């Protein structure tokens, strides 16, 4: 999806070599971040 030009968020950045803001920042409540990201995304994909 990133290669196709999208900015894509997931809770674990893995090997994020494209410099997008992904993951759960240290000190932030996990569910709070997920809710914010899901609520503001144009599309949420469930694997």
ModelCIF file with pLDDT and N, C-alpha, C, O atoms, coordinates in Angstrom:
data_MODEL
#
_entry.id   MODEL 
#
_entity.id                         1 
_entity.type                       polymer 
_entity.pdbx_number_of_molecules   1 
#
_entity_poly.entity_id                      1 
_entity_poly.type                           'polypeptide(L)' 
_entity_poly.nstd_linkage                   no 
_entity_poly.nstd_monomer                   no 
_entity_poly.pdbx_seq_one_letter_code       
;(UNK)(UNK)(UNK)(UNK)(UNK)(UNK)(UNK)(UNK)(UNK)(UNK)(UNK)(UNK)(UNK)(UNK)(UNK)(UNK)
(UNK)(UNK)(UNK)(UNK)(UNK)(UNK)(UNK)(UNK)(UNK)(UNK)(UNK)(UNK)(UNK)(UNK)(UNK)(UNK)
(UNK)(UNK)(UNK)(UNK)(UNK)(UNK)(UNK)(UNK)(UNK)(UNK)(UNK)(UNK)(UNK)(UNK)(UNK)
;
_entity_poly.pdbx_seq_one_letter_code_can   XXXXXXXXXXXXXXXXXXXXXXXXXXXXXXXXXXXXXXXXXXXXXXX 
_entity_poly.pdbx_strand_id                 A 
#
loop_
_entity_poly_seq.entity_id 
_entity_poly_seq.num 
_entity_poly_seq.mon_id 
_entity_poly_seq.hetero 
1 1  UNK n 
1 2  UNK n 
1 3  UNK n 
1 4  UNK n 
1 5  UNK n 
1 6  UNK n 
1 7  UNK n 
1 8  UNK n 
1 9  UNK n 
1 10 UNK n 
1 11 UNK n 
1 12 UNK n 
1 13 UNK n 
1 14 UNK n 
1 15 UNK n 
1 16 UNK n 
1 17 UNK n 
1 18 UNK n 
1 19 UNK n 
1 20 UNK n 
1 21 UNK n 
1 22 UNK n 
1 23 UNK n 
1 24 UNK n 
1 25 UNK n 
1 26 UNK n 
1 27 UNK n 
1 28 UNK n 
1 29 UNK n 
1 30 UNK n 
1 31 UNK n 
1 32 UNK n 
1 33 UNK n 
1 34 UNK n 
1 35 UNK n 
1 36 UNK n 
1 37 UNK n 
1 38 UNK n 
1 39 UNK n 
1 40 UNK n 
1 41 UNK n 
1 42 UNK n 
1 43 UNK n 
1 44 UNK n 
1 45 UNK n 
1 46 UNK n 
1 47 UNK n 
#
_struct_asym.id          A 
_struct_asym.entity_id   1 
#
loop_
_ma_qa_metric.id 
_ma_qa_metric.mode 
_ma_qa_metric.name 
_ma_qa_metric.software_group_id 
_ma_qa_metric.type 
1 global pLDDT . pLDDT 
2 local  pLDDT . pLDDT 
#
_ma_qa_metric_global.metric_id      1 
_ma_qa_metric_global.metric_value   78.19 
_ma_qa_metric_global.model_id       1 
_ma_qa_metric_global.ordinal_id     1 
#
loop_
_ma_qa_metric_local.label_asym_id 
_ma_qa_metric_local.label_comp_id 
_ma_qa_metric_local.label_seq_id 
_ma_qa_metric_local.metric_id 
_ma_qa_metric_local.metric_value 
_ma_qa_metric_local.model_id 
_ma_qa_metric_local.ordinal_id 
A UNK 1  2 94.00 1 1  
A UNK 2  2 91.00 1 2  
A UNK 3  2 93.00 1 3  
A UNK 4  2 95.00 1 4  
A UNK 5  2 94.00 1 5  
A UNK 6  2 94.00 1 6  
A UNK 7  2 92.00 1 7  
A UNK 8  2 92.00 1 8  
A UNK 9  2 89.00 1 9  
A UNK 10 2 88.00 1 10 
A UNK 11 2 83.00 1 11 
A UNK 12 2 72.00 1 12 
A UNK 13 2 59.00 1 13 
A UNK 14 2 59.00 1 14 
A UNK 15 2 54.00 1 15 
A UNK 16 2 54.00 1 16 
A UNK 17 2 55.00 1 17 
A UNK 18 2 52.00 1 18 
A UNK 19 2 52.00 1 19 
A UNK 20 2 53.00 1 20 
A UNK 21 2 56.00 1 21 
A UNK 22 2 59.00 1 22 
A UNK 23 2 59.00 1 23 
A UNK 24 2 56.00 1 24 
A UNK 25 2 52.00 1 25 
A UNK 26 2 52.00 1 26 
A UNK 27 2 57.00 1 27 
A UNK 28 2 59.00 1 28 
A UNK 29 2 72.00 1 29 
A UNK 30 2 76.00 1 30 
A UNK 31 2 85.00 1 31 
A UNK 32 2 86.00 1 32 
A UNK 33 2 85.00 1 33 
A UNK 34 2 86.00 1 34 
A UNK 35 2 90.00 1 35 
A UNK 36 2 90.00 1 36 
A UNK 37 2 90.00 1 37 
A UNK 38 2 92.00 1 38 
A UNK 39 2 94.00 1 39 
A UNK 40 2 94.00 1 40 
A UNK 41 2 95.00 1 41 
A UNK 42 2 96.00 1 42 
A UNK 43 2 96.00 1 43 
A UNK 44 2 96.00 1 44 
A UNK 45 2 96.00 1 45 
A UNK 46 2 95.00 1 46 
A UNK 47 2 96.00 1 47 
#
loop_
_atom_site.group_PDB 
_atom_site.id 
_atom_site.type_symbol 
_atom_site.label_atom_id 
_atom_site.label_alt_id 
_atom_site.label_comp_id 
_atom_site.label_asym_id 
_atom_site.label_entity_id 
_atom_site.label_seq_id 
_atom_site.pdbx_PDB_ins_code 
_atom_site.Cartn_x 
_atom_site.Cartn_y 
_atom_site.Cartn_z 
_atom_site.occupancy 
_atom_site.B_iso_or_equiv 
_atom_site.pdbx_formal_charge 
_atom_site.auth_seq_id 
_atom_site.auth_comp_id 
_atom_site.auth_asym_id 
_atom_site.auth_atom_id 
_atom_site.pdbx_PDB_model_num 
ATOM 1   N N  . UNK A 1 1  ? 0.823   -1.212  0.000  1.00 94.00 ? 1  UNK A N  1 
ATOM 2   C CA . UNK A 1 1  ? 0.000   0.000   0.000  1.00 94.00 ? 1  UNK A CA 1 
ATOM 3   C C  . UNK A 1 1  ? 0.857   1.263   0.000  1.00 94.00 ? 1  UNK A C  1 
ATOM 4   O O  . UNK A 1 1  ? 0.529   2.238   -0.675 1.00 94.00 ? 1  UNK A O  1 
ATOM 5   N N  . UNK A 1 2  ? 1.953   1.246   0.755  1.00 91.00 ? 2  UNK A N  1 
ATOM 6   C CA . UNK A 1 2  ? 2.871   2.389   0.767  1.00 91.00 ? 2  UNK A CA 1 
ATOM 7   C C  . UNK A 1 2  ? 3.499   2.562   -0.618 1.00 91.00 ? 2  UNK A C  1 
ATOM 8   O O  . UNK A 1 2  ? 3.632   3.685   -1.104 1.00 91.00 ? 2  UNK A O  1 
ATOM 9   N N  . UNK A 1 3  ? 3.880   1.461   -1.246 1.00 93.00 ? 3  UNK A N  1 
ATOM 10  C CA . UNK A 1 3  ? 4.458   1.527   -2.596 1.00 93.00 ? 3  UNK A CA 1 
ATOM 11  C C  . UNK A 1 3  ? 3.470   2.111   -3.598 1.00 93.00 ? 3  UNK A C  1 
ATOM 12  O O  . UNK A 1 3  ? 3.870   2.705   -4.599 1.00 93.00 ? 3  UNK A O  1 
ATOM 13  N N  . UNK A 1 4  ? 2.166   1.939   -3.324 1.00 95.00 ? 4  UNK A N  1 
ATOM 14  C CA . UNK A 1 4  ? 1.125   2.481   -4.199 1.00 95.00 ? 4  UNK A CA 1 
ATOM 15  C C  . UNK A 1 4  ? 0.814   3.946   -3.874 1.00 95.00 ? 4  UNK A C  1 
ATOM 16  O O  . UNK A 1 4  ? -0.055  4.555   -4.498 1.00 95.00 ? 4  UNK A O  1 
ATOM 17  N N  . UNK A 1 5  ? 1.528   4.504   -2.896 1.00 94.00 ? 5  UNK A N  1 
ATOM 18  C CA . UNK A 1 5  ? 1.385   5.928   -2.604 1.00 94.00 ? 5  UNK A CA 1 
ATOM 19  C C  . UNK A 1 5  ? 0.522   6.288   -1.408 1.00 94.00 ? 5  UNK A C  1 
ATOM 20  O O  . UNK A 1 5  ? 0.201   7.460   -1.212 1.00 94.00 ? 5  UNK A O  1 
ATOM 21  N N  . UNK A 1 6  ? 0.141   5.305   -0.605 1.00 94.00 ? 6  UNK A N  1 
ATOM 22  C CA . UNK A 1 6  ? -0.709  5.565   0.554  1.00 94.00 ? 6  UNK A CA 1 
ATOM 23  C C  . UNK A 1 6  ? 0.123   5.725   1.818  1.00 94.00 ? 6  UNK A C  1 
ATOM 24  O O  . UNK A 1 6  ? 1.202   5.148   1.943  1.00 94.00 ? 6  UNK A O  1 
ATOM 25  N N  . UNK A 1 7  ? -0.391  6.514   2.749  1.00 92.00 ? 7  UNK A N  1 
ATOM 26  C CA . UNK A 1 7  ? 0.186   6.558   4.088  1.00 92.00 ? 7  UNK A CA 1 
ATOM 27  C C  . UNK A 1 7  ? -0.596  5.548   4.907  1.00 92.00 ? 7  UNK A C  1 
ATOM 28  O O  . UNK A 1 7  ? -1.819  5.646   5.010  1.00 92.00 ? 7  UNK A O  1 
ATOM 29  N N  . UNK A 1 8  ? 0.097   4.580   5.490  1.00 92.00 ? 8  UNK A N  1 
ATOM 30  C CA . UNK A 1 8  ? -0.553  3.449   6.141  1.00 92.00 ? 8  UNK A CA 1 
ATOM 31  C C  . UNK A 1 8  ? -0.058  3.315   7.575  1.00 92.00 ? 8  UNK A C  1 
ATOM 32  O O  . UNK A 1 8  ? 1.145   3.289   7.834  1.00 92.00 ? 8  UNK A O  1 
ATOM 33  N N  . UNK A 1 9  ? -1.024  3.231   8.512  1.00 89.00 ? 9  UNK A N  1 
ATOM 34  C CA . UNK A 1 9  ? -0.698  3.080   9.926  1.00 89.00 ? 9  UNK A CA 1 
ATOM 35  C C  . UNK A 1 9  ? -1.007  1.666   10.389 1.00 89.00 ? 9  UNK A C  1 
ATOM 36  O O  . UNK A 1 9  ? -2.020  1.079   10.009 1.00 89.00 ? 9  UNK A O  1 
ATOM 37  N N  . UNK A 1 10 ? -0.120  1.132   11.213 1.00 88.00 ? 10 UNK A N  1 
ATOM 38  C CA . UNK A 1 10 ? -0.393  -0.087  11.959 1.00 88.00 ? 10 UNK A CA 1 
ATOM 39  C C  . UNK A 1 10 ? 0.317   0.054   13.299 1.00 88.00 ? 10 UNK A C  1 
ATOM 40  O O  . UNK A 1 10 ? 1.265   0.830   13.416 1.00 88.00 ? 10 UNK A O  1 
ATOM 41  N N  . UNK A 1 11 ? -0.127  -0.685  14.307 1.00 83.00 ? 11 UNK A N  1 
ATOM 42  C CA . UNK A 1 11 ? 0.361   -0.434  15.663 1.00 83.00 ? 11 UNK A CA 1 
ATOM 43  C C  . UNK A 1 11 ? 1.803   -0.838  15.904 1.00 83.00 ? 11 UNK A C  1 
ATOM 44  O O  . UNK A 1 11 ? 2.398   -0.404  16.891 1.00 83.00 ? 11 UNK A O  1 
ATOM 45  N N  . UNK A 1 12 ? 2.374   -1.638  15.055 1.00 72.00 ? 12 UNK A N  1 
ATOM 46  C CA . UNK A 1 12 ? 3.773   -2.034  15.183 1.00 72.00 ? 12 UNK A CA 1 
ATOM 47  C C  . UNK A 1 12 ? 4.488   -1.662  13.896 1.00 72.00 ? 12 UNK A C  1 
ATOM 48  O O  . UNK A 1 12 ? 4.150   -2.181  12.833 1.00 72.00 ? 12 UNK A O  1 
ATOM 49  N N  . UNK A 1 13 ? 5.466   -0.777  13.971 1.00 59.00 ? 13 UNK A N  1 
ATOM 50  C CA . UNK A 1 13 ? 6.110   -0.322  12.745 1.00 59.00 ? 13 UNK A CA 1 
ATOM 51  C C  . UNK A 1 13 ? 6.938   -1.370  12.025 1.00 59.00 ? 13 UNK A C  1 
ATOM 52  O O  . UNK A 1 13 ? 7.293   -1.177  10.862 1.00 59.00 ? 13 UNK A O  1 
ATOM 53  N N  . UNK A 1 14 ? 7.253   -2.470  12.686 1.00 59.00 ? 14 UNK A N  1 
ATOM 54  C CA . UNK A 1 14 ? 8.083   -3.487  12.034 1.00 59.00 ? 14 UNK A CA 1 
ATOM 55  C C  . UNK A 1 14 ? 9.370   -2.861  11.551 1.00 59.00 ? 14 UNK A C  1 
ATOM 56  O O  . UNK A 1 14 ? 10.039  -2.153  12.302 1.00 59.00 ? 14 UNK A O  1 
ATOM 57  N N  . UNK A 1 15 ? 9.714   -3.108  10.335 1.00 54.00 ? 15 UNK A N  1 
ATOM 58  C CA . UNK A 1 15 ? 10.903  -2.503  9.725  1.00 54.00 ? 15 UNK A CA 1 
ATOM 59  C C  . UNK A 1 15 ? 10.482  -1.302  8.903  1.00 54.00 ? 15 UNK A C  1 
ATOM 60  O O  . UNK A 1 15 ? 10.534  -1.341  7.674  1.00 54.00 ? 15 UNK A O  1 
ATOM 61  N N  . UNK A 1 16 ? 10.062  -0.228  9.572  1.00 54.00 ? 16 UNK A N  1 
ATOM 62  C CA . UNK A 1 16 ? 9.560   0.947   8.871  1.00 54.00 ? 16 UNK A CA 1 
ATOM 63  C C  . UNK A 1 16 ? 10.711  1.712   8.245  1.00 54.00 ? 16 UNK A C  1 
ATOM 64  O O  . UNK A 1 16 ? 11.413  2.468   8.917  1.00 54.00 ? 16 UNK A O  1 
ATOM 65  N N  . UNK A 1 17 ? 10.891  1.508   6.967  1.00 55.00 ? 17 UNK A N  1 
ATOM 66  C CA . UNK A 1 17 ? 11.965  2.208   6.269  1.00 55.00 ? 17 UNK A CA 1 
ATOM 67  C C  . UNK A 1 17 ? 11.431  3.301   5.348  1.00 55.00 ? 17 UNK A C  1 
ATOM 68  O O  . UNK A 1 17 ? 12.169  3.831   4.518  1.00 55.00 ? 17 UNK A O  1 
ATOM 69  N N  . UNK A 1 18 ? 10.155  3.638   5.493  1.00 52.00 ? 18 UNK A N  1 
ATOM 70  C CA . UNK A 1 18 ? 9.581   4.686   4.635  1.00 52.00 ? 18 UNK A CA 1 
ATOM 71  C C  . UNK A 1 18 ? 9.312   5.962   5.408  1.00 52.00 ? 18 UNK A C  1 
ATOM 72  O O  . UNK A 1 18 ? 8.833   6.940   4.834  1.00 52.00 ? 18 UNK A O  1 
ATOM 73  N N  . UNK A 1 19 ? 9.611   5.973   6.707  1.00 52.00 ? 19 UNK A N  1 
ATOM 74  C CA . UNK A 1 19 ? 9.521   7.185   7.493  1.00 52.00 ? 19 UNK A CA 1 
ATOM 75  C C  . UNK A 1 19 ? 8.114   7.660   7.824  1.00 52.00 ? 19 UNK A C  1 
ATOM 76  O O  . UNK A 1 19 ? 7.926   8.828   8.164  1.00 52.00 ? 19 UNK A O  1 
ATOM 77  N N  . UNK A 1 20 ? 7.131   6.787   7.733  1.00 53.00 ? 20 UNK A N  1 
ATOM 78  C CA . UNK A 1 20 ? 5.777   7.180   8.096  1.00 53.00 ? 20 UNK A CA 1 
ATOM 79  C C  . UNK A 1 20 ? 5.605   7.048   9.611  1.00 53.00 ? 20 UNK A C  1 
ATOM 80  O O  . UNK A 1 20 ? 6.298   6.261   10.256 1.00 53.00 ? 20 UNK A O  1 
ATOM 81  N N  . UNK A 1 21 ? 4.684   7.818   10.165 1.00 56.00 ? 21 UNK A N  1 
ATOM 82  C CA . UNK A 1 21 ? 4.412   7.810   11.594 1.00 56.00 ? 21 UNK A CA 1 
ATOM 83  C C  . UNK A 1 21 ? 3.530   6.619   11.938 1.00 56.00 ? 21 UNK A C  1 
ATOM 84  O O  . UNK A 1 21 ? 2.307   6.694   11.817 1.00 56.00 ? 21 UNK A O  1 
ATOM 85  N N  . UNK A 1 22 ? 4.142   5.524   12.364 1.00 59.00 ? 22 UNK A N  1 
ATOM 86  C CA . UNK A 1 22 ? 3.408   4.310   12.709 1.00 59.00 ? 22 UNK A CA 1 
ATOM 87  C C  . UNK A 1 22 ? 3.801   3.867   14.100 1.00 59.00 ? 22 UNK A C  1 
ATOM 88  O O  . UNK A 1 22 ? 4.787   4.342   14.663 1.00 59.00 ? 22 UNK A O  1 
ATOM 89  N N  . UNK A 1 23 ? 3.029   2.963   14.643 1.00 59.00 ? 23 UNK A N  1 
ATOM 90  C CA . UNK A 1 23 ? 3.340   2.408   15.946 1.00 59.00 ? 23 UNK A CA 1 
ATOM 91  C C  . UNK A 1 23 ? 2.647   3.150   17.073 1.00 59.00 ? 23 UNK A C  1 
ATOM 92  O O  . UNK A 1 23 ? 1.956   4.146   16.856 1.00 59.00 ? 23 UNK A O  1 
ATOM 93  N N  . UNK A 1 24 ? 2.845   2.649   18.268 1.00 56.00 ? 24 UNK A N  1 
ATOM 94  C CA . UNK A 1 24 ? 2.296   3.251   19.485 1.00 56.00 ? 24 UNK A CA 1 
ATOM 95  C C  . UNK A 1 24 ? 3.449   3.986   20.167 1.00 56.00 ? 24 UNK A C  1 
ATOM 96  O O  . UNK A 1 24 ? 4.415   3.350   20.589 1.00 56.00 ? 24 UNK A O  1 
ATOM 97  N N  . UNK A 1 25 ? 3.367   5.305   20.283 1.00 52.00 ? 25 UNK A N  1 
ATOM 98  C CA . UNK A 1 25 ? 4.456   6.043   20.935 1.00 52.00 ? 25 UNK A CA 1 
ATOM 99  C C  . UNK A 1 25 ? 4.636   5.608   22.395 1.00 52.00 ? 25 UNK A C  1 
ATOM 100 O O  . UNK A 1 25 ? 3.666   5.278   23.078 1.00 52.00 ? 25 UNK A O  1 
ATOM 101 N N  . UNK A 1 26 ? 5.858   5.612   22.852 1.00 52.00 ? 26 UNK A N  1 
ATOM 102 C CA . UNK A 1 26 ? 6.169   5.247   24.226 1.00 52.00 ? 26 UNK A CA 1 
ATOM 103 C C  . UNK A 1 26 ? 5.390   6.172   25.163 1.00 52.00 ? 26 UNK A C  1 
ATOM 104 O O  . UNK A 1 26 ? 5.363   7.389   24.984 1.00 52.00 ? 26 UNK A O  1 
ATOM 105 N N  . UNK A 1 27 ? 4.762   5.562   26.163 1.00 57.00 ? 27 UNK A N  1 
ATOM 106 C CA . UNK A 1 27 ? 4.015   6.326   27.148 1.00 57.00 ? 27 UNK A CA 1 
ATOM 107 C C  . UNK A 1 27 ? 2.564   6.607   26.783 1.00 57.00 ? 27 UNK A C  1 
ATOM 108 O O  . UNK A 1 27 ? 1.827   7.177   27.588 1.00 57.00 ? 27 UNK A O  1 
ATOM 109 N N  . UNK A 1 28 ? 2.148   6.224   25.601 1.00 59.00 ? 28 UNK A N  1 
ATOM 110 C CA . UNK A 1 28 ? 0.762   6.451   25.178 1.00 59.00 ? 28 UNK A CA 1 
ATOM 111 C C  . UNK A 1 28 ? -0.058  5.191   25.418 1.00 59.00 ? 28 UNK A C  1 
ATOM 112 O O  . UNK A 1 28 ? 0.450   4.077   25.295 1.00 59.00 ? 28 UNK A O  1 
ATOM 113 N N  . UNK A 1 29 ? -1.326  5.375   25.758 1.00 72.00 ? 29 UNK A N  1 
ATOM 114 C CA . UNK A 1 29 ? -2.230  4.258   25.984 1.00 72.00 ? 29 UNK A CA 1 
ATOM 115 C C  . UNK A 1 29 ? -2.586  3.633   24.637 1.00 72.00 ? 29 UNK A C  1 
ATOM 116 O O  . UNK A 1 29 ? -3.043  4.318   23.722 1.00 72.00 ? 29 UNK A O  1 
ATOM 117 N N  . UNK A 1 30 ? -2.370  2.333   24.532 1.00 76.00 ? 30 UNK A N  1 
ATOM 118 C CA . UNK A 1 30 ? -2.507  1.587   23.280 1.00 76.00 ? 30 UNK A CA 1 
ATOM 119 C C  . UNK A 1 30 ? -3.862  1.823   22.612 1.00 76.00 ? 30 UNK A C  1 
ATOM 120 O O  . UNK A 1 30 ? -3.915  2.219   21.447 1.00 76.00 ? 30 UNK A O  1 
ATOM 121 N N  . UNK A 1 31 ? -4.952  1.585   23.333 1.00 85.00 ? 31 UNK A N  1 
ATOM 122 C CA . UNK A 1 31 ? -6.282  1.688   22.740 1.00 85.00 ? 31 UNK A CA 1 
ATOM 123 C C  . UNK A 1 31 ? -6.601  3.116   22.314 1.00 85.00 ? 31 UNK A C  1 
ATOM 124 O O  . UNK A 1 31 ? -7.265  3.320   21.298 1.00 85.00 ? 31 UNK A O  1 
ATOM 125 N N  . UNK A 1 32 ? -6.141  4.100   23.067 1.00 86.00 ? 32 UNK A N  1 
ATOM 126 C CA . UNK A 1 32 ? -6.358  5.510   22.718 1.00 86.00 ? 32 UNK A CA 1 
ATOM 127 C C  . UNK A 1 32 ? -5.760  5.823   21.341 1.00 86.00 ? 32 UNK A C  1 
ATOM 128 O O  . UNK A 1 32 ? -6.393  6.482   20.516 1.00 86.00 ? 32 UNK A O  1 
ATOM 129 N N  . UNK A 1 33 ? -4.556  5.351   21.108 1.00 85.00 ? 33 UNK A N  1 
ATOM 130 C CA . UNK A 1 33 ? -3.886  5.597   19.826 1.00 85.00 ? 33 UNK A CA 1 
ATOM 131 C C  . UNK A 1 33 ? -4.609  4.861   18.700 1.00 85.00 ? 33 UNK A C  1 
ATOM 132 O O  . UNK A 1 33 ? -4.837  5.439   17.637 1.00 85.00 ? 33 UNK A O  1 
ATOM 133 N N  . UNK A 1 34 ? -4.972  3.607   18.913 1.00 86.00 ? 34 UNK A N  1 
ATOM 134 C CA . UNK A 1 34 ? -5.673  2.830   17.883 1.00 86.00 ? 34 UNK A CA 1 
ATOM 135 C C  . UNK A 1 34 ? -6.996  3.501   17.524 1.00 86.00 ? 34 UNK A C  1 
ATOM 136 O O  . UNK A 1 34 ? -7.310  3.657   16.344 1.00 86.00 ? 34 UNK A O  1 
ATOM 137 N N  . UNK A 1 35 ? -7.763  3.893   18.517 1.00 90.00 ? 35 UNK A N  1 
ATOM 138 C CA . UNK A 1 35 ? -9.050  4.561   18.244 1.00 90.00 ? 35 UNK A CA 1 
ATOM 139 C C  . UNK A 1 35 ? -8.848  5.831   17.425 1.00 90.00 ? 35 UNK A C  1 
ATOM 140 O O  . UNK A 1 35 ? -9.591  6.077   16.474 1.00 90.00 ? 35 UNK A O  1 
ATOM 141 N N  . UNK A 1 36 ? -7.859  6.631   17.779 1.00 90.00 ? 36 UNK A N  1 
ATOM 142 C CA . UNK A 1 36 ? -7.596  7.863   17.036 1.00 90.00 ? 36 UNK A CA 1 
ATOM 143 C C  . UNK A 1 36 ? -7.221  7.556   15.583 1.00 90.00 ? 36 UNK A C  1 
ATOM 144 O O  . UNK A 1 36 ? -7.732  8.186   14.658 1.00 90.00 ? 36 UNK A O  1 
ATOM 145 N N  . UNK A 1 37 ? -6.336  6.596   15.395 1.00 90.00 ? 37 UNK A N  1 
ATOM 146 C CA . UNK A 1 37 ? -5.888  6.261   14.037 1.00 90.00 ? 37 UNK A CA 1 
ATOM 147 C C  . UNK A 1 37 ? -7.023  5.678   13.204 1.00 90.00 ? 37 UNK A C  1 
ATOM 148 O O  . UNK A 1 37 ? -7.165  6.025   12.032 1.00 90.00 ? 37 UNK A O  1 
ATOM 149 N N  . UNK A 1 38 ? -7.832  4.799   13.789 1.00 92.00 ? 38 UNK A N  1 
ATOM 150 C CA . UNK A 1 38 ? -8.957  4.208   13.061 1.00 92.00 ? 38 UNK A CA 1 
ATOM 151 C C  . UNK A 1 38 ? -10.003 5.271   12.735 1.00 92.00 ? 38 UNK A C  1 
ATOM 152 O O  . UNK A 1 38 ? -10.568 5.269   11.641 1.00 92.00 ? 38 UNK A O  1 
ATOM 153 N N  . UNK A 1 39 ? -10.260 6.167   13.665 1.00 94.00 ? 39 UNK A N  1 
ATOM 154 C CA . UNK A 1 39 ? -11.289 7.196   13.463 1.00 94.00 ? 39 UNK A CA 1 
ATOM 155 C C  . UNK A 1 39 ? -10.904 8.208   12.392 1.00 94.00 ? 39 UNK A C  1 
ATOM 156 O O  . UNK A 1 39 ? -11.781 8.768   11.735 1.00 94.00 ? 39 UNK A O  1 
ATOM 157 N N  . UNK A 1 40 ? -9.621  8.450   12.206 1.00 94.00 ? 40 UNK A N  1 
ATOM 158 C CA . UNK A 1 40 ? -9.193  9.464   11.243 1.00 94.00 ? 40 UNK A CA 1 
ATOM 159 C C  . UNK A 1 40 ? -8.769  8.891   9.894  1.00 94.00 ? 40 UNK A C  1 
ATOM 160 O O  . UNK A 1 40 ? -8.605  9.637   8.928  1.00 94.00 ? 40 UNK A O  1 
ATOM 161 N N  . UNK A 1 41 ? -8.589  7.577   9.820  1.00 95.00 ? 41 UNK A N  1 
ATOM 162 C CA . UNK A 1 41 ? -8.215  6.959   8.540  1.00 95.00 ? 41 UNK A CA 1 
ATOM 163 C C  . UNK A 1 41 ? -9.411  6.995   7.588  1.00 95.00 ? 41 UNK A C  1 
ATOM 164 O O  . UNK A 1 41 ? -10.565 6.965   8.016  1.00 95.00 ? 41 UNK A O  1 
ATOM 165 N N  . UNK A 1 42 ? -9.116  7.060   6.311  1.00 96.00 ? 42 UNK A N  1 
ATOM 166 C CA . UNK A 1 42 ? -10.176 6.988   5.306  1.00 96.00 ? 42 UNK A CA 1 
ATOM 167 C C  . UNK A 1 42 ? -10.686 5.551   5.158  1.00 96.00 ? 42 UNK A C  1 
ATOM 168 O O  . UNK A 1 42 ? -11.833 5.324   4.774  1.00 96.00 ? 42 UNK A O  1 
ATOM 169 N N  . UNK A 1 43 ? -9.817  4.589   5.469  1.00 96.00 ? 43 UNK A N  1 
ATOM 170 C CA . UNK A 1 43 ? -10.145 3.177   5.308  1.00 96.00 ? 43 UNK A CA 1 
ATOM 171 C C  . UNK A 1 43 ? -9.422  2.383   6.395  1.00 96.00 ? 43 UNK A C  1 
ATOM 172 O O  . UNK A 1 43 ? -8.244  2.621   6.660  1.00 96.00 ? 43 UNK A O  1 
ATOM 173 N N  . UNK A 1 44 ? -10.123 1.446   7.020  1.00 96.00 ? 44 UNK A N  1 
ATOM 174 C CA . UNK A 1 44 ? -9.500  0.512   7.956  1.00 96.00 ? 44 UNK A CA 1 
ATOM 175 C C  . UNK A 1 44 ? -9.625  -0.877  7.344  1.00 96.00 ? 44 UNK A C  1 
ATOM 176 O O  . UNK A 1 44 ? -10.719 -1.326  7.006  1.00 96.00 ? 44 UNK A O  1 
ATOM 177 N N  . UNK A 1 45 ? -8.494  -1.542  7.210  1.00 96.00 ? 45 UNK A N  1 
ATOM 178 C CA . UNK A 1 45 ? -8.465  -2.885  6.634  1.00 96.00 ? 45 UNK A CA 1 
ATOM 179 C C  . UNK A 1 45 ? -8.209  -3.884  7.755  1.00 96.00 ? 45 UNK A C  1 
ATOM 180 O O  . UNK A 1 45 ? -7.252  -3.736  8.515  1.00 96.00 ? 45 UNK A O  1 
ATOM 181 N N  . UNK A 1 46 ? -9.052  -4.888  7.859  1.00 95.00 ? 46 UNK A N  1 
ATOM 182 C CA . UNK A 1 46 ? -8.836  -5.990  8.797  1.00 95.00 ? 46 UNK A CA 1 
ATOM 183 C C  . UNK A 1 46 ? -8.236  -7.164  8.059  1.00 95.00 ? 46 UNK A C  1 
ATOM 184 O O  . UNK A 1 46 ? -8.805  -7.647  7.080  1.00 95.00 ? 46 UNK A O  1 
ATOM 185 N N  . UNK A 1 47 ? -7.085  -7.627  8.524  1.00 96.00 ? 47 UNK A N  1 
ATOM 186 C CA . UNK A 1 47 ? -6.465  -8.816  7.950  1.00 96.00 ? 47 UNK A CA 1 
ATOM 187 C C  . UNK A 1 47 ? -7.175  -9.999  8.601  1.00 96.00 ? 47 UNK A C  1 
ATOM 188 O O  . UNK A 1 47 ? -6.855  -11.150 8.304  1.00 96.00 ? 47 UNK A O  1 
#
